Amino acid sequence: LAELSALCLRSKAWWGYDDEFMEACREELSLTPGDLESTAVAVLADGT
């Protein structure tokens, strides 16, 4: 979950947002154990 949350932040930052904006989005872009229980969460991966 920590790795996937970091990926969400990297992806969002790709649009050129500044650090302050990204910090404001951190909670909304983070995945939690509860998300895995209540929603469908998929990963696209090639090995690791």
All heavy atoms as atom14 arrays in JSON, in Angstrom:
{
  "sequence": "LAELSALCLRSKAWWGYDDEFMEACREELSLTPGDLESTAVAVLADGT",
  "atom14_mask": [
    [1, 1, 1, 1, 1, 1, 1, 1, 0, 0, 0, 0, 0, 0],
    [1, 1, 1, 1, 1, 0, 0, 0, 0, 0, 0, 0, 0, 0],
    [1, 1, 1, 1, 1, 1, 1, 1, 1, 0, 0, 0, 0, 0],
    [1, 1, 1, 1, 1, 1, 1, 1, 0, 0, 0, 0, 0, 0],
    [1, 1, 1, 1, 1, 1, 0, 0, 0, 0, 0, 0, 0, 0],
    [1, 1, 1, 1, 1, 0, 0, 0, 0, 0, 0, 0, 0, 0],
    [1, 1, 1, 1, 1, 1, 1, 1, 0, 0, 0, 0, 0, 0],
    [1, 1, 1, 1, 1, 1, 0, 0, 0, 0, 0, 0, 0, 0],
    [1, 1, 1, 1, 1, 1, 1, 1, 0, 0, 0, 0, 0, 0],
    [1, 1, 1, 1, 1, 1, 1, 1, 1, 1, 1, 0, 0, 0],
    [1, 1, 1, 1, 1, 1, 0, 0, 0, 0, 0, 0, 0, 0],
    [1, 1, 1, 1, 1, 1, 1, 1, 1, 0, 0, 0, 0, 0],
    [1, 1, 1, 1, 1, 0, 0, 0, 0, 0, 0, 0, 0, 0],
    [1, 1, 1, 1, 1, 1, 1, 1, 1, 1, 1, 1, 1, 1],
    [1, 1, 1, 1, 1, 1, 1, 1, 1, 1, 1, 1, 1, 1],
    [1, 1, 1, 1, 0, 0, 0, 0, 0, 0, 0, 0, 0, 0],
    [1, 1, 1, 1, 1, 1, 1, 1, 1, 1, 1, 1, 0, 0],
    [1, 1, 1, 1, 1, 1, 1, 1, 0, 0, 0, 0, 0, 0],
    [1, 1, 1, 1, 1, 1, 1, 1, 0, 0, 0, 0, 0, 0],
    [1, 1, 1, 1, 1, 1, 1, 1, 1, 0, 0, 0, 0, 0],
    [1, 1, 1, 1, 1, 1, 1, 1, 1, 1, 1, 0, 0, 0],
    [1, 1, 1, 1, 1, 1, 1, 1, 0, 0, 0, 0, 0, 0],
    [1, 1, 1, 1, 1, 1, 1, 1, 1, 0, 0, 0, 0, 0],
    [1, 1, 1, 1, 1, 0, 0, 0, 0, 0, 0, 0, 0, 0],
    [1, 1, 1, 1, 1, 1, 0, 0, 0, 0, 0, 0, 0, 0],
    [1, 1, 1, 1, 1, 1, 1, 1, 1, 1, 1, 0, 0, 0],
    [1, 1, 1, 1, 1, 1, 1, 1, 1, 0, 0, 0, 0, 0],
    [1, 1, 1, 1, 1, 1, 1, 1, 1, 0, 0, 0, 0, 0],
    [1, 1, 1, 1, 1, 1, 1, 1, 0, 0, 0, 0, 0, 0],
    [1, 1, 1, 1, 1, 1, 0, 0, 0, 0, 0, 0, 0, 0],
    [1, 1, 1, 1, 1, 1, 1, 1, 0, 0, 0, 0, 0, 0],
    [1, 1, 1, 1, 1, 1, 1, 0, 0, 0, 0, 0, 0, 0],
    [1, 1, 1, 1, 1, 1, 1, 0, 0, 0, 0, 0, 0, 0],
    [1, 1, 1, 1, 0, 0, 0, 0, 0, 0, 0, 0, 0, 0],
    [1, 1, 1, 1, 1, 1, 1, 1, 0, 0, 0, 0, 0, 0],
    [1, 1, 1, 1, 1, 1, 1, 1, 0, 0, 0, 0, 0, 0],
    [1, 1, 1, 1, 1, 1, 1, 1, 1, 0, 0, 0, 0, 0],
    [1, 1, 1, 1, 1, 1, 0, 0, 0, 0, 0, 0, 0, 0],
    [1, 1, 1, 1, 1, 1, 1, 0, 0, 0, 0, 0, 0, 0],
    [1, 1, 1, 1, 1, 0, 0, 0, 0, 0, 0, 0, 0, 0],
    [1, 1, 1, 1, 1, 1, 1, 0, 0, 0, 0, 0, 0, 0],
    [1, 1, 1, 1, 1, 0, 0, 0, 0, 0, 0, 0, 0, 0],
    [1, 1, 1, 1, 1, 1, 1, 0, 0, 0, 0, 0, 0, 0],
    [1, 1, 1, 1, 1, 1, 1, 1, 0, 0, 0, 0, 0, 0],
    [1, 1, 1, 1, 1, 0, 0, 0, 0, 0, 0, 0, 0, 0],
    [1, 1, 1, 1, 1, 1, 1, 1, 0, 0, 0, 0, 0, 0],
    [1, 1, 1, 1, 0, 0, 0, 0, 0, 0, 0, 0, 0, 0],
    [1, 1, 1, 1, 1, 1, 1, 0, 0, 0, 0, 0, 0, 0]
  ],
  "atom14_positions": [
    [[0.81, -1.22, 0.0], [0.0, 0.0, 0.0], [0.84, 1.26, 0.0], [0.5, 2.24, -0.68], [-0.98, -0.01, 1.17], [-2.1, -1.04, 1.06], [-2.94, -1.05, 2.34], [-2.96, -0.8, -0.15], [0.0, 0.0, 0.0], [0.0, 0.0, 0.0], [0.0, 0.0, 0.0], [0.0, 0.0, 0.0], [0.0, 0.0, 0.0], [0.0, 0.0, 0.0]],
    [[1.93, 1.29, 0.75], [2.8, 2.47, 0.76], [3.4, 2.7, -0.63], [3.45, 3.84, -1.11], [3.9, 2.33, 1.81], [0.0, 0.0, 0.0], [0.0, 0.0, 0.0], [0.0, 0.0, 0.0], [0.0, 0.0, 0.0], [0.0, 0.0, 0.0], [0.0, 0.0, 0.0], [0.0, 0.0, 0.0], [0.0, 0.0, 0.0], [0.0, 0.0, 0.0]],
    [[3.84, 1.65, -1.29], [4.41, 1.76, -2.64], [3.37, 2.25, -3.63], [3.65, 3.11, -4.48], [4.97, 0.4, -3.08], [5.45, 0.38, -4.51], [5.8, -1.02, -5.02], [5.72, -1.99, -4.26], [6.15, -1.1, -6.21], [0.0, 0.0, 0.0], [0.0, 0.0, 0.0], [0.0, 0.0, 0.0], [0.0, 0.0, 0.0], [0.0, 0.0, 0.0]],
    [[2.14, 1.73, -3.53], [1.08, 2.13, -4.45], [0.66, 3.57, -4.21], [0.38, 4.31, -5.16], [-0.11, 1.18, -4.33], [0.17, -0.27, -4.72], [-1.05, -1.14, -4.44], [0.62, -0.38, -6.17], [0.0, 0.0, 0.0], [0.0, 0.0, 0.0], [0.0, 0.0, 0.0], [0.0, 0.0, 0.0], [0.0, 0.0, 0.0], [0.0, 0.0, 0.0]],
    [[0.61, 3.98, -2.94], [0.28, 5.37, -2.62], [1.34, 6.31, -3.17], [1.02, 7.37, -3.72], [0.14, 5.54, -1.1], [-0.93, 4.75, -0.62], [0.0, 0.0, 0.0], [0.0, 0.0, 0.0], [0.0, 0.0, 0.0], [0.0, 0.0, 0.0], [0.0, 0.0, 0.0], [0.0, 0.0, 0.0], [0.0, 0.0, 0.0], [0.0, 0.0, 0.0]],
    [[2.61, 5.93, -3.07], [3.7, 6.74, -3.63], [3.58, 6.83, -5.15], [3.83, 7.89, -5.74], [5.05, 6.15, -3.23], [0.0, 0.0, 0.0], [0.0, 0.0, 0.0], [0.0, 0.0, 0.0], [0.0, 0.0, 0.0], [0.0, 0.0, 0.0], [0.0, 0.0, 0.0], [0.0, 0.0, 0.0], [0.0, 0.0, 0.0], [0.0, 0.0, 0.0]],
    [[3.16, 5.75, -5.79], [2.95, 5.76, -7.24], [1.85, 6.75, -7.59], [1.99, 7.53, -8.55], [2.58, 4.36, -7.74], [2.37, 4.21, -9.24], [2.72, 2.79, -9.67], [0.96, 4.53, -9.66], [0.0, 0.0, 0.0], [0.0, 0.0, 0.0], [0.0, 0.0, 0.0], [0.0, 0.0, 0.0], [0.0, 0.0, 0.0], [0.0, 0.0, 0.0]],
    [[0.76, 6.76, -6.83], [-0.33, 7.71, -7.08], [0.19, 9.15, -7.01], [-0.14, 9.98, -7.86], [-1.46, 7.51, -6.08], [-2.36, 5.95, -6.26], [0.0, 0.0, 0.0], [0.0, 0.0, 0.0], [0.0, 0.0, 0.0], [0.0, 0.0, 0.0], [0.0, 0.0, 0.0], [0.0, 0.0, 0.0], [0.0, 0.0, 0.0], [0.0, 0.0, 0.0]],
    [[0.99, 9.44, -6.01], [1.55, 10.78, -5.87], [2.5, 11.13, -7.02], [2.46, 12.25, -7.55], [2.25, 10.92, -4.52], [1.31, 11.0, -3.32], [2.04, 10.7, -2.03], [0.63, 12.37, -3.27], [0.0, 0.0, 0.0], [0.0, 0.0, 0.0], [0.0, 0.0, 0.0], [0.0, 0.0, 0.0], [0.0, 0.0, 0.0], [0.0, 0.0, 0.0]],
    [[3.36, 10.19, -7.42], [4.27, 10.44, -8.57], [3.47, 10.71, -9.83], [3.81, 11.59, -10.63], [5.19, 9.24, -8.81], [6.35, 9.11, -7.89], [7.38, 8.11, -8.39], [6.85, 6.82, -8.79], [6.57, 5.81, -7.96], [6.75, 5.96, -6.67], [6.11, 4.67, -8.43], [0.0, 0.0, 0.0], [0.0, 0.0, 0.0], [0.0, 0.0, 0.0]],
    [[2.43, 9.94, -10.03], [1.61, 10.09, -11.22], [0.9, 11.45, -11.23], [0.88, 12.14, -12.26], [0.59, 8.95, -11.28], [-0.22, 9.04, -12.42], [0.0, 0.0, 0.0], [0.0, 0.0, 0.0], [0.0, 0.0, 0.0], [0.0, 0.0, 0.0], [0.0, 0.0, 0.0], [0.0, 0.0, 0.0], [0.0, 0.0, 0.0], [0.0, 0.0, 0.0]],
    [[0.34, 11.84, -10.1], [-0.34, 13.14, -10.01], [0.66, 14.29, -10.24], [0.36, 15.26, -10.93], [-0.99, 13.27, -8.63], [-1.78, 14.53, -8.41], [-3.11, 14.44, -9.07], [-4.04, 15.54, -8.58], [-5.34, 15.42, -9.25], [0.0, 0.0, 0.0], [0.0, 0.0, 0.0], [0.0, 0.0, 0.0], [0.0, 0.0, 0.0], [0.0, 0.0, 0.0]],
    [[1.85, 14.15, -9.67], [2.88, 15.18, -9.8], [3.33, 15.35, -11.25], [3.84, 16.41, -11.63], [4.07, 14.85, -8.91], [0.0, 0.0, 0.0], [0.0, 0.0, 0.0], [0.0, 0.0, 0.0], [0.0, 0.0, 0.0], [0.0, 0.0, 0.0], [0.0, 0.0, 0.0], [0.0, 0.0, 0.0], [0.0, 0.0, 0.0], [0.0, 0.0, 0.0]],
    [[3.14, 14.34, -12.07], [3.53, 14.39, -13.48], [2.86, 15.58, -14.19], [3.41, 16.12, -15.15], [3.14, 13.06, -14.15], [3.61, 12.93, -15.56], [4.85, 12.57, -15.98], [2.84, 13.15, -16.75], [4.9, 12.56, -17.36], [3.67, 12.9, -17.85], [1.52, 13.53, -16.97], [3.23, 13.02, -19.15], [1.09, 13.65, -18.29], [1.95, 13.4, -19.35]],
    [[1.7, 16.02, -13.67], [0.98, 17.14, -14.29], [1.6, 18.48, -13.92], [1.09, 19.52, -14.33], [-0.5, 17.1, -13.89], [-1.21, 15.9, -14.42], [-1.63, 14.81, -13.71], [-1.56, 15.64, -15.78], [-2.21, 13.9, -14.54], [-2.19, 14.37, -15.83], [-1.41, 16.35, -16.97], [-2.66, 13.81, -17.01], [-1.88, 15.78, -18.15], [-2.49, 14.53, -18.16]],
    [[2.67, 18.49, -13.13], [3.39, 19.72, -12.85], [2.96, 20.46, -11.59], [3.31, 21.63, -11.42], [0.0, 0.0, 0.0], [0.0, 0.0, 0.0], [0.0, 0.0, 0.0], [0.0, 0.0, 0.0], [0.0, 0.0, 0.0], [0.0, 0.0, 0.0], [0.0, 0.0, 0.0], [0.0, 0.0, 0.0], [0.0, 0.0, 0.0], [0.0, 0.0, 0.0]],
    [[2.25, 19.8, -10.7], [1.82, 20.45, -9.46], [3.0, 20.68, -8.53], [3.93, 19.89, -8.51], [0.75, 19.61, -8.77], [-0.52, 19.47, -9.57], [-0.94, 18.23, -10.04], [-1.3, 20.58, -9.88], [-2.1, 18.1, -10.78], [-2.46, 20.46, -10.63], [-2.86, 19.21, -11.07], [-4.01, 19.09, -11.8], [0.0, 0.0, 0.0], [0.0, 0.0, 0.0]],
    [[2.92, 21.74, -7.72], [4.0, 22.04, -6.79], [3.89, 21.2, -5.52], [2.89, 20.49, -5.31], [4.07, 23.54, -6.47], [2.84, 24.07, -5.74], [2.13, 23.3, -5.05], [2.59, 25.29, -5.84], [0.0, 0.0, 0.0], [0.0, 0.0, 0.0], [0.0, 0.0, 0.0], [0.0, 0.0, 0.0], [0.0, 0.0, 0.0], [0.0, 0.0, 0.0]],
    [[4.91, 21.28, -4.68], [4.98, 20.46, -3.47], [3.81, 20.72, -2.52], [3.29, 19.79, -1.91], [6.3, 20.69, -2.74], [7.5, 20.13, -3.5], [7.3, 19.29, -4.4], [8.63, 20.54, -3.18], [0.0, 0.0, 0.0], [0.0, 0.0, 0.0], [0.0, 0.0, 0.0], [0.0, 0.0, 0.0], [0.0, 0.0, 0.0], [0.0, 0.0, 0.0]],
    [[3.41, 21.97, -2.38], [2.31, 22.31, -1.48], [1.01, 21.65, -1.95], [0.25, 21.09, -1.16], [2.15, 23.83, -1.41], [1.06, 24.28, -0.46], [0.93, 25.8, -0.4], [1.81, 26.52, -0.91], [-0.07, 26.25, 0.17], [0.0, 0.0, 0.0], [0.0, 0.0, 0.0], [0.0, 0.0, 0.0], [0.0, 0.0, 0.0], [0.0, 0.0, 0.0]],
    [[0.76, 21.72, -3.24], [-0.44, 21.1, -3.81], [-0.41, 19.59, -3.58], [-1.39, 18.99, -3.16], [-0.52, 21.41, -5.31], [-1.72, 20.82, -5.99], [-2.87, 21.59, -6.17], [-1.72, 19.51, -6.45], [-3.99, 21.04, -6.79], [-2.83, 18.97, -7.07], [-3.96, 19.74, -7.25], [0.0, 0.0, 0.0], [0.0, 0.0, 0.0], [0.0, 0.0, 0.0]],
    [[0.75, 18.99, -3.84], [0.88, 17.54, -3.7], [0.68, 17.11, -2.25], [0.05, 16.08, -1.98], [2.23, 17.07, -4.23], [2.38, 17.22, -5.74], [1.05, 16.41, -6.68], [1.2, 14.73, -6.08], [0.0, 0.0, 0.0], [0.0, 0.0, 0.0], [0.0, 0.0, 0.0], [0.0, 0.0, 0.0], [0.0, 0.0, 0.0], [0.0, 0.0, 0.0]],
    [[1.18, 17.88, -1.32], [1.0, 17.54, 0.1], [-0.48, 17.61, 0.47], [-0.98, 16.78, 1.23], [1.84, 18.46, 0.99], [1.9, 18.01, 2.42], [2.41, 16.59, 2.62], [3.34, 16.15, 1.91], [1.86, 15.89, 3.51], [0.0, 0.0, 0.0], [0.0, 0.0, 0.0], [0.0, 0.0, 0.0], [0.0, 0.0, 0.0], [0.0, 0.0, 0.0]],
    [[-1.2, 18.58, -0.08], [-2.63, 18.7, 0.18], [-3.41, 17.5, -0.36], [-4.47, 17.16, 0.15], [-3.17, 19.99, -0.42], [0.0, 0.0, 0.0], [0.0, 0.0, 0.0], [0.0, 0.0, 0.0], [0.0, 0.0, 0.0], [0.0, 0.0, 0.0], [0.0, 0.0, 0.0], [0.0, 0.0, 0.0], [0.0, 0.0, 0.0], [0.0, 0.0, 0.0]],
    [[-2.87, 16.84, -1.38], [-3.52, 15.68, -2.01], [-3.11, 14.34, -1.39], [-3.7, 13.32, -1.71], [-3.19, 15.64, -3.5], [-3.83, 17.03, -4.44], [0.0, 0.0, 0.0], [0.0, 0.0, 0.0], [0.0, 0.0, 0.0], [0.0, 0.0, 0.0], [0.0, 0.0, 0.0], [0.0, 0.0, 0.0], [0.0, 0.0, 0.0], [0.0, 0.0, 0.0]],
    [[-2.11, 14.35, -0.54], [-1.52, 13.1, -0.03], [-2.57, 12.14, 0.54], [-2.61, 10.96, 0.2], [-0.44, 13.39, 1.01], [0.22, 12.12, 1.56], [1.37, 12.43, 2.49], [2.42, 13.18, 1.83], [3.35, 12.64, 1.03], [3.36, 11.35, 0.82], [4.26, 13.41, 0.46], [0.0, 0.0, 0.0], [0.0, 0.0, 0.0], [0.0, 0.0, 0.0]],
    [[-3.42, 12.62, 1.43], [-4.39, 11.73, 2.08], [-5.35, 11.13, 1.06], [-5.62, 9.93, 1.07], [-5.17, 12.48, 3.16], [-6.12, 11.57, 3.91], [-6.85, 12.3, 5.03], [-6.37, 13.34, 5.51], [-7.91, 11.79, 5.43], [0.0, 0.0, 0.0], [0.0, 0.0, 0.0], [0.0, 0.0, 0.0], [0.0, 0.0, 0.0], [0.0, 0.0, 0.0]],
    [[-5.86, 11.96, 0.16], [-6.83, 11.49, -0.83], [-6.2, 10.48, -1.8], [-6.87, 9.58, -2.29], [-7.4, 12.68, -1.62], [-8.5, 12.29, -2.57], [-9.12, 13.47, -3.29], [-8.57, 14.59, -3.24], [-10.17, 13.27, -3.93], [0.0, 0.0, 0.0], [0.0, 0.0, 0.0], [0.0, 0.0, 0.0], [0.0, 0.0, 0.0], [0.0, 0.0, 0.0]],
    [[-4.92, 10.61, -2.07], [-4.25, 9.73, -3.03], [-3.65, 8.49, -2.39], [-3.12, 7.63, -3.09], [-3.15, 10.5, -3.77], [-3.64, 11.67, -4.62], [-2.47, 12.33, -5.32], [-4.7, 11.24, -5.61], [0.0, 0.0, 0.0], [0.0, 0.0, 0.0], [0.0, 0.0, 0.0], [0.0, 0.0, 0.0], [0.0, 0.0, 0.0], [0.0, 0.0, 0.0]],
    [[-3.75, 8.37, -1.08], [-3.17, 7.21, -0.38], [-4.19, 6.08, -0.28], [-5.38, 6.31, -0.09], [-2.72, 7.62, 1.02], [-1.66, 8.56, 0.93], [0.0, 0.0, 0.0], [0.0, 0.0, 0.0], [0.0, 0.0, 0.0], [0.0, 0.0, 0.0], [0.0, 0.0, 0.0], [0.0, 0.0, 0.0], [0.0, 0.0, 0.0], [0.0, 0.0, 0.0]],
    [[-3.69, 4.87, -0.39], [-4.51, 3.67, -0.24], [-4.33, 3.11, 1.16], [-3.23, 3.14, 1.71], [-4.11, 2.62, -1.28], [-4.55, 2.96, -2.7], [-3.66, 2.28, -3.72], [-6.0, 2.58, -2.91], [0.0, 0.0, 0.0], [0.0, 0.0, 0.0], [0.0, 0.0, 0.0], [0.0, 0.0, 0.0], [0.0, 0.0, 0.0], [0.0, 0.0, 0.0]],
    [[-5.42, 2.58, 1.72], [-5.4, 2.05, 3.08], [-5.86, 0.6, 3.09], [-6.48, 0.14, 2.12], [-6.35, 2.86, 3.98], [-7.71, 2.62, 3.55], [-6.04, 4.35, 3.94], [0.0, 0.0, 0.0], [0.0, 0.0, 0.0], [0.0, 0.0, 0.0], [0.0, 0.0, 0.0], [0.0, 0.0, 0.0], [0.0, 0.0, 0.0], [0.0, 0.0, 0.0]],
    [[-5.61, -0.13, 4.17], [-6.14, -1.49, 4.27], [-7.66, -1.52, 4.11], [-8.21, -2.45, 3.52], [-5.72, -1.93, 5.67], [-4.47, -1.16, 5.94], [-4.72, 0.19, 5.31], [0.0, 0.0, 0.0], [0.0, 0.0, 0.0], [0.0, 0.0, 0.0], [0.0, 0.0, 0.0], [0.0, 0.0, 0.0], [0.0, 0.0, 0.0], [0.0, 0.0, 0.0]],
    [[-8.34, -0.5, 4.61], [-9.8, -0.43, 4.45], [-10.23, -0.37, 2.99], [-11.28, -0.91, 2.62], [0.0, 0.0, 0.0], [0.0, 0.0, 0.0], [0.0, 0.0, 0.0], [0.0, 0.0, 0.0], [0.0, 0.0, 0.0], [0.0, 0.0, 0.0], [0.0, 0.0, 0.0], [0.0, 0.0, 0.0], [0.0, 0.0, 0.0], [0.0, 0.0, 0.0]],
    [[-9.41, 0.28, 2.15], [-9.72, 0.33, 0.71], [-9.73, -1.07, 0.12], [-10.57, -1.38, -0.75], [-8.7, 1.19, -0.04], [-8.82, 2.66, 0.28], [-9.94, 3.15, 0.52], [-7.77, 3.34, 0.3], [0.0, 0.0, 0.0], [0.0, 0.0, 0.0], [0.0, 0.0, 0.0], [0.0, 0.0, 0.0], [0.0, 0.0, 0.0], [0.0, 0.0, 0.0]],
    [[-8.82, -1.91, 0.56], [-8.76, -3.28, 0.03], [-9.96, -4.1, 0.47], [-10.35, -5.04, -0.22], [-7.47, -3.97, 0.47], [-6.16, -3.33, 0.01], [-4.98, -4.16, 0.47], [-6.13, -3.12, -1.49], [0.0, 0.0, 0.0], [0.0, 0.0, 0.0], [0.0, 0.0, 0.0], [0.0, 0.0, 0.0], [0.0, 0.0, 0.0], [0.0, 0.0, 0.0]],
    [[-10.55, -3.74, 1.6], [-11.71, -4.46, 2.1], [-13.02, -3.98, 1.46], [-13.93, -4.78, 1.26], [-11.8, -4.29, 3.62], [-10.66, -4.94, 4.37], [-10.65, -4.59, 5.85], [-11.64, -4.02, 6.34], [-9.63, -4.87, 6.5], [0.0, 0.0, 0.0], [0.0, 0.0, 0.0], [0.0, 0.0, 0.0], [0.0, 0.0, 0.0], [0.0, 0.0, 0.0]],
    [[-13.11, -2.69, 1.14], [-14.39, -2.13, 0.7], [-14.48, -1.83, -0.79], [-15.58, -1.55, -1.29], [-14.68, -0.85, 1.49], [-13.7, 0.14, 1.22], [0.0, 0.0, 0.0], [0.0, 0.0, 0.0], [0.0, 0.0, 0.0], [0.0, 0.0, 0.0], [0.0, 0.0, 0.0], [0.0, 0.0, 0.0], [0.0, 0.0, 0.0], [0.0, 0.0, 0.0]],
    [[-13.36, -1.87, -1.5], [-13.36, -1.56, -2.93], [-12.48, -2.57, -3.67], [-11.74, -3.32, -3.05], [-12.81, -0.14, -3.19], [-11.44, -0.07, -2.78], [-13.62, 0.93, -2.47], [0.0, 0.0, 0.0], [0.0, 0.0, 0.0], [0.0, 0.0, 0.0], [0.0, 0.0, 0.0], [0.0, 0.0, 0.0], [0.0, 0.0, 0.0], [0.0, 0.0, 0.0]],
    [[-12.56, -2.55, -4.97], [-11.69, -3.38, -5.8], [-10.47, -2.55, -6.17], [-10.59, -1.45, -6.71], [-12.42, -3.82, -7.07], [0.0, 0.0, 0.0], [0.0, 0.0, 0.0], [0.0, 0.0, 0.0], [0.0, 0.0, 0.0], [0.0, 0.0, 0.0], [0.0, 0.0, 0.0], [0.0, 0.0, 0.0], [0.0, 0.0, 0.0], [0.0, 0.0, 0.0]],
    [[-9.28, -3.07, -5.83], [-8.03, -2.37, -6.12], [-7.14, -3.32, -6.9], [-6.84, -4.42, -6.44], [-7.31, -1.9, -4.84], [-6.03, -1.14, -5.19], [-8.23, -1.03, -3.98], [0.0, 0.0, 0.0], [0.0, 0.0, 0.0], [0.0, 0.0, 0.0], [0.0, 0.0, 0.0], [0.0, 0.0, 0.0], [0.0, 0.0, 0.0], [0.0, 0.0, 0.0]],
    [[-6.73, -2.89, -8.08], [-5.9, -3.72, -8.95], [-4.56, -3.06, -9.22], [-4.45, -1.83, -9.25], [-6.6, -3.97, -10.28], [0.0, 0.0, 0.0], [0.0, 0.0, 0.0], [0.0, 0.0, 0.0], [0.0, 0.0, 0.0], [0.0, 0.0, 0.0], [0.0, 0.0, 0.0], [0.0, 0.0, 0.0], [0.0, 0.0, 0.0], [0.0, 0.0, 0.0]],
    [[-3.57, -3.91, -9.42], [-2.22, -3.48, -9.74], [-1.86, -4.03, -11.11], [-2.12, -5.21, -11.4], [-1.22, -4.0, -8.68], [0.21, -3.72, -9.08], [-1.54, -3.41, -7.32], [0.0, 0.0, 0.0], [0.0, 0.0, 0.0], [0.0, 0.0, 0.0], [0.0, 0.0, 0.0], [0.0, 0.0, 0.0], [0.0, 0.0, 0.0], [0.0, 0.0, 0.0]],
    [[-1.27, -3.21, -11.95], [-0.73, -3.66, -13.22], [0.77, -3.75, -13.05], [1.42, -2.74, -12.73], [-1.09, -2.68, -14.34], [-0.57, -3.03, -15.73], [-1.2, -4.33, -16.24], [-0.85, -1.89, -16.7], [0.0, 0.0, 0.0], [0.0, 0.0, 0.0], [0.0, 0.0, 0.0], [0.0, 0.0, 0.0], [0.0, 0.0, 0.0], [0.0, 0.0, 0.0]],
    [[1.32, -4.95, -13.21], [2.75, -5.15, -12.94], [3.36, -6.12, -13.92], [2.68, -6.98, -14.49], [2.95, -5.65, -11.51], [0.0, 0.0, 0.0], [0.0, 0.0, 0.0], [0.0, 0.0, 0.0], [0.0, 0.0, 0.0], [0.0, 0.0, 0.0], [0.0, 0.0, 0.0], [0.0, 0.0, 0.0], [0.0, 0.0, 0.0], [0.0, 0.0, 0.0]],
    [[4.65, -5.98, -14.08], [5.46, -6.9, -14.85], [6.47, -7.46, -13.87], [7.5, -6.83, -13.61], [6.15, -6.16, -16.0], [6.98, -7.08, -16.88], [6.86, -8.31, -16.73], [7.72, -6.56, -17.73], [0.0, 0.0, 0.0], [0.0, 0.0, 0.0], [0.0, 0.0, 0.0], [0.0, 0.0, 0.0], [0.0, 0.0, 0.0], [0.0, 0.0, 0.0]],
    [[6.13, -8.6, -13.28], [6.98, -9.14, -12.22], [6.9, -8.23, -11.01], [5.83, -8.0, -10.47], [0.0, 0.0, 0.0], [0.0, 0.0, 0.0], [0.0, 0.0, 0.0], [0.0, 0.0, 0.0], [0.0, 0.0, 0.0], [0.0, 0.0, 0.0], [0.0, 0.0, 0.0], [0.0, 0.0, 0.0], [0.0, 0.0, 0.0], [0.0, 0.0, 0.0]],
    [[8.02, -7.68, -10.6], [8.04, -6.8, -9.43], [7.9, -5.33, -9.79], [7.75, -4.49, -8.91], [9.35, -6.99, -8.63], [10.45, -6.67, -9.5], [9.48, -8.4, -8.11], [0.0, 0.0, 0.0], [0.0, 0.0, 0.0], [0.0, 0.0, 0.0], [0.0, 0.0, 0.0], [0.0, 0.0, 0.0], [0.0, 0.0, 0.0], [0.0, 0.0, 0.0]]
  ]
}
